[in-house]
C-alpha atoms as a PDB file:
ATOM      1  CA  UNK A   1      64.117 -92.721 -15.756  1.00  0.00           C
ATOM      2  CA  UNK A   2      67.185 -91.555 -17.657  1.00  0.00           C
ATOM      3  CA  UNK A   3      65.191 -88.671 -19.123  1.00  0.00           C
ATOM      4  CA  UNK A   4      63.704 -87.487 -15.849  1.00  0.00           C
ATOM      5  CA  UNK A   5      65.271 -84.007 -15.950  1.00  0.00           C
ATOM      6  CA  UNK A   6      65.226 -83.426 -19.715  1.00  0.00           C
ATOM      7  CA  UNK A   7      61.927 -81.518 -19.762  1.00  0.00           C
ATOM      8  CA  UNK A   8      62.998 -79.261 -16.888  1.00  0.00           C
ATOM      9  CA  UNK A   9      66.355 -78.609 -18.538  1.00  0.00           C
ATOM     10  CA  UNK A  10      64.684 -77.585 -21.817  1.00  0.00           C
ATOM     11  CA  UNK A  11      62.183 -75.287 -20.063  1.00  0.00           C
ATOM     12  CA  UNK A  12      64.745 -73.642 -17.802  1.00  0.00           C
ATOM     13  CA  UNK A  13      67.182 -73.070 -20.656  1.00  0.00           C
ATOM     14  CA  UNK A  14      64.468 -71.367 -22.717  1.00  0.00           C
ATOM     15  CA  UNK A  15      63.382 -69.305 -19.696  1.00  0.00           C
ATOM     16  CA  UNK A  16      66.959 -68.188 -19.051  1.00  0.00           C
ATOM     17  CA  UNK A  17      67.342 -67.045 -22.652  1.00  0.00           C
ATOM     18  CA  UNK A  18      64.073 -65.075 -22.455  1.00  0.00           C
ATOM     19  CA  UNK A  19      65.071 -63.491 -19.139  1.00  0.00           C
ATOM     20  CA  UNK A  20      68.403 -62.369 -20.570  1.00  0.00           C
ATOM     21  CA  UNK A  21      66.636 -61.096 -23.686  1.00  0.00           C
ATOM     22  CA  UNK A  22      64.140 -59.147 -21.565  1.00  0.00           C
ATOM     23  CA  UNK A  23      66.913 -57.540 -19.535  1.00  0.00           C
ATOM     24  CA  UNK A  24      68.977 -56.608 -22.599  1.00  0.00           C
ATOM     25  CA  UNK A  25      65.973 -55.160 -24.468  1.00  0.00           C
ATOM     26  CA  UNK A  26      64.726 -53.406 -21.274  1.00  0.00           C
ATOM     27  CA  UNK A  27      61.149 -54.595 -21.616  1.00  0.00           C
ATOM     28  CA  UNK A  28      58.661 -53.456 -18.997  1.00  0.00           C
ATOM     29  CA  UNK A  29      58.015 -55.978 -16.233  1.00  0.00           C
ATOM     30  CA  UNK A  30      54.430 -56.998 -17.216  1.00  0.00           C
ATOM     31  CA  UNK A  31      55.433 -57.626 -20.855  1.00  0.00           C
ATOM     32  CA  UNK A  32      58.542 -59.537 -19.742  1.00  0.00           C
ATOM     33  CA  UNK A  33      56.455 -61.775 -17.469  1.00  0.00           C
ATOM     34  CA  UNK A  34      53.948 -62.480 -20.236  1.00  0.00           C
ATOM     35  CA  UNK A  35      56.779 -63.458 -22.598  1.00  0.00           C
ATOM     36  CA  UNK A  36      58.306 -65.643 -19.899  1.00  0.00           C
ATOM     37  CA  UNK A  37      54.985 -67.396 -19.212  1.00  0.00           C
ATOM     38  CA  UNK A  38      54.394 -68.045 -22.914  1.00  0.00           C
ATOM     39  CA  UNK A  39      57.904 -69.445 -23.404  1.00  0.00           C
ATOM     40  CA  UNK A  40      57.640 -71.678 -20.341  1.00  0.00           C
ATOM     41  CA  UNK A  41      54.321 -73.143 -21.503  1.00  0.00           C
ATOM     42  CA  UNK A  42      55.470 -73.680 -25.103  1.00  0.00           C
ATOM     43  CA  UNK A  43      58.776 -75.271 -24.141  1.00  0.00           C
ATOM     44  CA  UNK A  44      57.115 -77.438 -21.486  1.00  0.00           C
ATOM     45  CA  UNK A  45      54.941 -78.879 -24.262  1.00  0.00           C
ATOM     46  CA  UNK A  46      57.960 -79.283 -26.572  1.00  0.00           C
ATOM     47  CA  UNK A  47      59.984 -80.912 -23.787  1.00  0.00           C
ATOM     48  CA  UNK A  48      57.151 -83.351 -23.075  1.00  0.00           C
ATOM     49  CA  UNK A  49      56.958 -84.359 -26.743  1.00  0.00           C
ATOM     50  CA  UNK A  50      60.722 -84.776 -27.035  1.00  0.00           C
ATOM     51  CA  UNK A  51      60.842 -86.872 -23.864  1.00  0.00           C
ATOM     52  CA  UNK A  52      58.047 -89.169 -25.096  1.00  0.00           C
ATOM     53  CA  UNK A  53      59.650 -89.594 -28.511  1.00  0.00           C
ATOM     54  CA  UNK A  54      63.021 -90.457 -27.006  1.00  0.00           C
ATOM     55  CA  UNK A  55      61.455 -92.892 -24.504  1.00  0.00           C
ATOM     56  CA  UNK A  56      59.510 -94.673 -27.254  1.00  0.00           C
ATOM     57  CA  UNK A  57      62.608 -94.868 -29.425  1.00  0.00           C
ATOM     58  CA  UNK A  58      64.648 -96.283 -26.572  1.00  0.00           C
ATOM     59  CA  UNK A  59      61.976 -98.853 -25.681  1.00  0.00           C
ATOM     60  CA  UNK A  60      61.582 -99.877 -29.344  1.00  0.00           C
ATOM     61  CA  UNK A  61      65.319-100.325 -29.758  1.00  0.00           C
ATOM     62  CA  UNK A  62      65.543-102.414 -26.573  1.00  0.00           C
ATOM     63  CA  UNK A  63      62.660-104.607 -27.808  1.00  0.00           C
ATOM     64  CA  UNK A  64      64.412-105.048 -31.164  1.00  0.00           C
ATOM     65  CA  UNK A  65      67.652-106.063 -29.470  1.00  0.00           C
ATOM     66  CA  UNK A  66      65.828-108.726 -27.452  1.00  0.00           C
ATOM     67  CA  UNK A  67      64.067-110.149 -30.501  1.00  0.00           C
ATOM     68  CA  UNK A  68      67.167-110.359 -32.740  1.00  0.00           C
ATOM     69  CA  UNK A  69      68.996-113.698 -32.648  1.00  0.00           C
ATOM     70  CA  UNK A  70      72.677-113.588 -31.774  1.00  0.00           C
ATOM     71  CA  UNK A  71      73.695-115.344 -34.996  1.00  0.00           C
ATOM     72  CA  UNK A  72      71.971-115.175 -38.323  1.00  0.00           C
ATOM     73  CA  UNK A  73      70.738-118.340 -39.992  1.00  0.00           C
ATOM     74  CA  UNK A  74      73.141-117.993 -42.931  1.00  0.00           C
ATOM     75  CA  UNK A  75      76.135-117.755 -40.590  1.00  0.00           C
ATOM     76  CA  UNK A  76      75.175-121.020 -38.933  1.00  0.00           C
ATOM     77  CA  UNK A  77      74.688-122.691 -42.316  1.00  0.00           C
ATOM     78  CA  UNK A  78      78.072-121.458 -43.517  1.00  0.00           C
ATOM     79  CA  UNK A  79      79.906-122.864 -40.490  1.00  0.00           C
ATOM     80  CA  UNK A  80      78.705-126.380 -41.301  1.00  0.00           C
ATOM     81  CA  UNK A  81      79.926-126.234 -44.919  1.00  0.00           C
ATOM     82  CA  UNK A  82      83.347-126.828 -46.426  1.00  0.00           C
ATOM     83  CA  UNK A  83      85.059-123.952 -48.326  1.00  0.00           C
ATOM     84  CA  UNK A  84      83.869-125.294 -51.718  1.00  0.00           C
ATOM     85  CA  UNK A  85      80.312-125.473 -50.470  1.00  0.00           C
ATOM     86  CA  UNK A  86      80.552-121.847 -49.222  1.00  0.00           C
ATOM     87  CA  UNK A  87      80.844-120.630 -52.790  1.00  0.00           C
ATOM     88  CA  UNK A  88      77.816-122.583 -53.986  1.00  0.00           C
ATOM     89  CA  UNK A  89      75.721-121.450 -51.027  1.00  0.00           C
ATOM     90  CA  UNK A  90      76.678-117.808 -51.679  1.00  0.00           C
ATOM     91  CA  UNK A  91      75.867-118.164 -55.384  1.00  0.00           C
ATOM     92  CA  UNK A  92      72.458-119.652 -54.574  1.00  0.00           C
ATOM     93  CA  UNK A  93      71.741-116.842 -52.086  1.00  0.00           C
ATOM     94  CA  UNK A  94      72.603-114.193 -54.673  1.00  0.00           C
ATOM     95  CA  UNK A  95      70.081-115.664 -57.127  1.00  0.00           C
END
């Protein structure tokens, strides 16, 4: 839902650039409309791909956040140990 207007923003920005380019280069109207149609179709496709990729990335990251425990197992083990035992546990983990 956050990305609802992303595709439209991409398409309209590309269309605006083409319209300005057509006016500056003084292209005839039929050629300008063909260019505009091509750009709108291409950037609609690009915008759709970008939106899907971002949505999948966001959903994957939210799934990863839910599956990660709040504390790691080694942190819990270290809290139960005395300072001398911390060193031996760290040495064993490094091996």
